[in-house]
Amino acid sequence: MNSSQLLYKISDLQYSIRRKKVEYTNAVKAGDQLNMDLHNAALVLLKEDLATTVKAFNSIPAHSSGNKPRDSKKTRWWQNLFHLKTAVNRK
C-alpha cells in the first residue's frame, strides 16, 4: 500500500473506532451485556489494526527529492535589480 492508501485506512479505522464507541456506550446505557461484550471485542480488534496500520505508515521513508530547503543566501535575478536600484538611490 502506498502512503495515501494507508492514510485513508487510518482515517477509516479511526472513524470505525468512534462509531463502535458510540455503539458500546448505547449498549452500556441499555444494560445489554451481550452487545457490550461484542462491541468491546470489536474495539480491541480495531485498535490493534489501527496500531498496525500506523506502524506501517511510519515505516515508509520520506521522499527526499522535493524536500530540500532553498538556500537563503542565493538571490534571484529580480532581487538583484532591487538591490541595484537601492544602491544607486543612496548616492
N, C-alpha and C. Protein backbone atom coordinates (compact mmCIF):
# COMPACT_ATOMS: atom_id res chain seq x y z
N MET A 1 0.84 -1.19 0.00
CA MET A 1 0.00 0.00 0.00
C MET A 1 0.88 1.24 0.00
N ASN A 2 0.43 2.26 -0.71
CA ASN A 2 1.20 3.49 -0.69
C ASN A 2 0.71 4.37 0.47
N SER A 3 1.34 5.50 0.64
CA SER A 3 1.06 6.33 1.81
C SER A 3 -0.36 6.89 1.81
N SER A 4 -0.89 7.25 0.66
CA SER A 4 -2.24 7.80 0.64
C SER A 4 -3.27 6.72 0.98
N GLN A 5 -3.04 5.49 0.54
CA GLN A 5 -3.94 4.40 0.89
C GLN A 5 -3.88 4.11 2.38
N LEU A 6 -2.68 4.18 2.94
CA LEU A 6 -2.55 3.95 4.39
C LEU A 6 -3.22 5.06 5.18
N LEU A 7 -3.09 6.30 4.72
CA LEU A 7 -3.76 7.41 5.41
C LEU A 7 -5.28 7.25 5.36
N TYR A 8 -5.79 6.81 4.21
CA TYR A 8 -7.22 6.58 4.09
C TYR A 8 -7.65 5.47 5.05
N LYS A 9 -6.87 4.40 5.12
CA LYS A 9 -7.22 3.29 6.01
C LYS A 9 -7.17 3.74 7.46
N ILE A 10 -6.19 4.55 7.82
CA ILE A 10 -6.09 5.07 9.19
C ILE A 10 -7.31 5.91 9.52
N SER A 11 -7.69 6.79 8.61
CA SER A 11 -8.86 7.63 8.82
C SER A 11 -10.12 6.78 8.97
N ASP A 12 -10.25 5.77 8.13
CA ASP A 12 -11.42 4.90 8.19
C ASP A 12 -11.45 4.12 9.51
N LEU A 13 -10.31 3.65 9.95
CA LEU A 13 -10.26 2.92 11.22
C LEU A 13 -10.59 3.83 12.40
N GLN A 14 -10.11 5.06 12.36
CA GLN A 14 -10.43 6.00 13.44
C GLN A 14 -11.94 6.27 13.48
N TYR A 15 -12.54 6.41 12.31
CA TYR A 15 -13.99 6.62 12.25
C TYR A 15 -14.73 5.40 12.79
N SER A 16 -14.28 4.20 12.40
CA SER A 16 -14.92 2.97 12.87
C SER A 16 -14.81 2.84 14.38
N ILE A 17 -13.68 3.24 14.93
CA ILE A 17 -13.49 3.17 16.38
C ILE A 17 -14.45 4.13 17.08
N ARG A 18 -14.59 5.35 16.53
CA ARG A 18 -15.53 6.30 17.14
C ARG A 18 -16.96 5.76 17.10
N ARG A 19 -17.36 5.19 15.96
CA ARG A 19 -18.71 4.64 15.85
C ARG A 19 -18.91 3.46 16.80
N LYS A 20 -17.90 2.62 16.93
CA LYS A 20 -18.01 1.46 17.80
C LYS A 20 -18.10 1.89 19.27
N LYS A 21 -17.40 2.99 19.62
CA LYS A 21 -17.50 3.51 20.99
C LYS A 21 -18.91 4.01 21.28
N VAL A 22 -19.54 4.62 20.28
CA VAL A 22 -20.92 5.08 20.45
C VAL A 22 -21.85 3.89 20.64
N GLU A 23 -21.67 2.85 19.84
CA GLU A 23 -22.48 1.65 19.98
C GLU A 23 -22.26 1.00 21.33
N TYR A 24 -21.03 0.98 21.80
CA TYR A 24 -20.72 0.41 23.11
C TYR A 24 -21.40 1.24 24.21
N THR A 25 -21.34 2.55 24.09
CA THR A 25 -21.98 3.42 25.08
C THR A 25 -23.49 3.20 25.10
N ASN A 26 -24.09 3.05 23.93
CA ASN A 26 -25.52 2.78 23.87
C ASN A 26 -25.86 1.44 24.50
N ALA A 27 -25.00 0.45 24.32
CA ALA A 27 -25.23 -0.86 24.94
C ALA A 27 -25.09 -0.78 26.45
N VAL A 28 -24.16 0.04 26.93
CA VAL A 28 -23.99 0.22 28.38
C VAL A 28 -25.24 0.90 28.96
N LYS A 29 -25.73 1.93 28.26
CA LYS A 29 -26.93 2.62 28.75
C LYS A 29 -28.14 1.69 28.77
N ALA A 30 -28.21 0.79 27.79
CA ALA A 30 -29.33 -0.14 27.73
C ALA A 30 -29.14 -1.33 28.67
N GLY A 31 -27.92 -1.52 29.16
CA GLY A 31 -27.65 -2.64 30.06
C GLY A 31 -27.57 -3.98 29.34
N ASP A 32 -27.28 -3.96 28.06
CA ASP A 32 -27.21 -5.18 27.24
C ASP A 32 -25.78 -5.73 27.28
N GLN A 33 -25.55 -6.72 28.13
CA GLN A 33 -24.22 -7.26 28.34
C GLN A 33 -23.66 -7.94 27.09
N LEU A 34 -24.50 -8.63 26.33
CA LEU A 34 -24.04 -9.32 25.13
C LEU A 34 -23.49 -8.32 24.11
N ASN A 35 -24.22 -7.25 23.85
CA ASN A 35 -23.75 -6.23 22.91
C ASN A 35 -22.52 -5.49 23.45
N MET A 36 -22.46 -5.28 24.75
CA MET A 36 -21.27 -4.64 25.34
C MET A 36 -20.04 -5.48 25.08
N ASP A 37 -20.14 -6.79 25.27
CA ASP A 37 -19.00 -7.68 25.03
C ASP A 37 -18.61 -7.70 23.55
N LEU A 38 -19.62 -7.75 22.66
CA LEU A 38 -19.34 -7.76 21.23
C LEU A 38 -18.65 -6.47 20.78
N HIS A 39 -19.17 -5.34 21.22
CA HIS A 39 -18.60 -4.06 20.81
C HIS A 39 -17.21 -3.85 21.43
N ASN A 40 -17.03 -4.32 22.65
CA ASN A 40 -15.72 -4.20 23.29
C ASN A 40 -14.68 -5.05 22.56
N ALA A 41 -15.07 -6.26 22.15
CA ALA A 41 -14.14 -7.12 21.40
C ALA A 41 -13.83 -6.50 20.03
N ALA A 42 -14.83 -5.91 19.40
CA ALA A 42 -14.60 -5.25 18.10
C ALA A 42 -13.69 -4.04 18.27
N LEU A 43 -13.85 -3.31 19.37
CA LEU A 43 -12.98 -2.16 19.64
C LEU A 43 -11.53 -2.59 19.79
N VAL A 44 -11.30 -3.69 20.48
CA VAL A 44 -9.94 -4.19 20.67
C VAL A 44 -9.31 -4.53 19.33
N LEU A 45 -10.07 -5.23 18.48
CA LEU A 45 -9.55 -5.60 17.16
C LEU A 45 -9.29 -4.37 16.28
N LEU A 46 -10.19 -3.40 16.32
CA LEU A 46 -10.00 -2.18 15.53
C LEU A 46 -8.77 -1.41 15.99
N LYS A 47 -8.58 -1.33 17.30
CA LYS A 47 -7.41 -0.60 17.82
C LYS A 47 -6.11 -1.31 17.46
N GLU A 48 -6.11 -2.65 17.48
CA GLU A 48 -4.92 -3.39 17.07
C GLU A 48 -4.63 -3.15 15.59
N ASP A 49 -5.66 -3.18 14.77
CA ASP A 49 -5.49 -2.94 13.33
C ASP A 49 -5.00 -1.52 13.09
N LEU A 50 -5.52 -0.56 13.85
CA LEU A 50 -5.06 0.83 13.72
C LEU A 50 -3.59 0.96 14.10
N ALA A 51 -3.19 0.31 15.18
CA ALA A 51 -1.78 0.37 15.60
C ALA A 51 -0.87 -0.24 14.53
N THR A 52 -1.29 -1.34 13.93
CA THR A 52 -0.51 -1.98 12.87
C THR A 52 -0.40 -1.08 11.64
N THR A 53 -1.51 -0.45 11.28
CA THR A 53 -1.53 0.43 10.11
C THR A 53 -0.68 1.67 10.33
N VAL A 54 -0.75 2.24 11.53
CA VAL A 54 0.07 3.42 11.85
C VAL A 54 1.55 3.04 11.82
N LYS A 55 1.87 1.87 12.31
CA LYS A 55 3.26 1.41 12.30
C LYS A 55 3.74 1.24 10.85
N ALA A 56 2.88 0.71 9.99
CA ALA A 56 3.24 0.54 8.58
C ALA A 56 3.42 1.89 7.91
N PHE A 57 2.56 2.85 8.25
CA PHE A 57 2.69 4.19 7.67
C PHE A 57 3.97 4.88 8.13
N ASN A 58 4.29 4.73 9.39
CA ASN A 58 5.51 5.36 9.92
C ASN A 58 6.79 4.73 9.38
N SER A 59 6.70 3.52 8.87
CA SER A 59 7.89 2.85 8.35
C SER A 59 8.19 3.26 6.91
N ILE A 60 7.28 3.98 6.26
CA ILE A 60 7.52 4.44 4.89
C ILE A 60 8.54 5.56 4.93
N PRO A 61 9.64 5.43 4.17
CA PRO A 61 10.65 6.50 4.19
C PRO A 61 10.12 7.75 3.49
N ALA A 62 10.57 8.87 3.96
CA ALA A 62 10.18 10.15 3.36
C ALA A 62 10.86 10.31 2.02
N HIS A 63 10.14 10.80 1.05
CA HIS A 63 10.69 11.05 -0.28
C HIS A 63 11.47 12.36 -0.21
N SER A 64 12.76 12.30 -0.41
CA SER A 64 13.60 13.46 -0.13
C SER A 64 13.92 14.31 -1.35
N SER A 65 13.45 13.95 -2.53
CA SER A 65 13.88 14.72 -3.70
C SER A 65 13.27 16.11 -3.73
N GLY A 66 12.06 16.29 -3.24
CA GLY A 66 11.43 17.60 -3.30
C GLY A 66 11.42 18.33 -1.98
N ASN A 67 12.08 17.79 -0.98
CA ASN A 67 12.02 18.37 0.35
C ASN A 67 13.26 19.19 0.71
N LYS A 68 14.02 19.59 -0.29
CA LYS A 68 15.23 20.34 0.00
C LYS A 68 14.89 21.81 0.23
N PRO A 69 15.33 22.37 1.33
CA PRO A 69 15.05 23.79 1.55
C PRO A 69 15.87 24.65 0.61
N ARG A 70 15.33 25.79 0.26
CA ARG A 70 16.06 26.70 -0.62
C ARG A 70 17.19 27.36 0.14
N ASP A 71 18.25 27.62 -0.58
CA ASP A 71 19.39 28.31 0.01
C ASP A 71 19.03 29.78 0.15
N SER A 72 19.02 30.27 1.38
CA SER A 72 18.60 31.65 1.61
C SER A 72 19.66 32.66 1.16
N LYS A 73 20.88 32.22 0.92
CA LYS A 73 21.94 33.14 0.51
C LYS A 73 21.87 33.46 -0.98
N LYS A 74 21.20 32.60 -1.75
CA LYS A 74 21.08 32.87 -3.17
C LYS A 74 20.08 34.00 -3.38
N THR A 75 20.40 34.89 -4.30
CA THR A 75 19.45 35.93 -4.65
C THR A 75 18.96 35.68 -6.06
N ARG A 76 17.74 35.98 -6.26
CA ARG A 76 17.15 35.80 -7.58
C ARG A 76 17.47 37.02 -8.42
N TRP A 77 17.30 36.87 -9.74
CA TRP A 77 17.69 37.95 -10.64
C TRP A 77 16.89 39.22 -10.36
N TRP A 78 15.62 39.07 -10.00
CA TRP A 78 14.81 40.26 -9.76
C TRP A 78 15.18 40.92 -8.43
N GLN A 79 15.70 40.14 -7.48
CA GLN A 79 16.17 40.73 -6.23
C GLN A 79 17.43 41.54 -6.47
N ASN A 80 18.26 41.09 -7.41
CA ASN A 80 19.47 41.85 -7.74
C ASN A 80 19.10 43.21 -8.33
N LEU A 81 18.03 43.28 -9.11
CA LEU A 81 17.59 44.55 -9.66
C LEU A 81 17.18 45.53 -8.56
N PHE A 82 16.48 45.04 -7.57
CA PHE A 82 16.06 45.91 -6.47
C PHE A 82 17.26 46.39 -5.65
N HIS A 83 18.23 45.51 -5.44
CA HIS A 83 19.42 45.91 -4.70
C HIS A 83 20.23 46.94 -5.48
N LEU A 84 20.29 46.79 -6.79
CA LEU A 84 20.99 47.75 -7.61
C LEU A 84 20.29 49.10 -7.56
N LYS A 85 18.99 49.09 -7.60
CA LYS A 85 18.22 50.33 -7.57
C LYS A 85 18.43 51.07 -6.24
N THR A 86 18.42 50.34 -5.13
CA THR A 86 18.62 50.99 -3.84
C THR A 86 20.05 51.48 -3.66
N ALA A 87 21.01 50.78 -4.27
CA ALA A 87 22.39 51.23 -4.19
C ALA A 87 22.58 52.53 -4.96
N VAL A 88 21.90 52.67 -6.08
CA VAL A 88 22.01 53.89 -6.90
C VAL A 88 21.33 55.05 -6.17
N ASN A 89 20.24 54.83 -5.51
CA ASN A 89 19.49 55.88 -4.82
C ASN A 89 20.20 56.37 -3.56
N ARG A 90 21.11 55.61 -3.00
CA ARG A 90 21.81 56.01 -1.78
C ARG A 90 22.87 57.07 -2.02
N LYS A 91 23.29 57.27 -3.26
CA LYS A 91 24.38 58.20 -3.54
C LYS A 91 24.00 59.60 -3.31
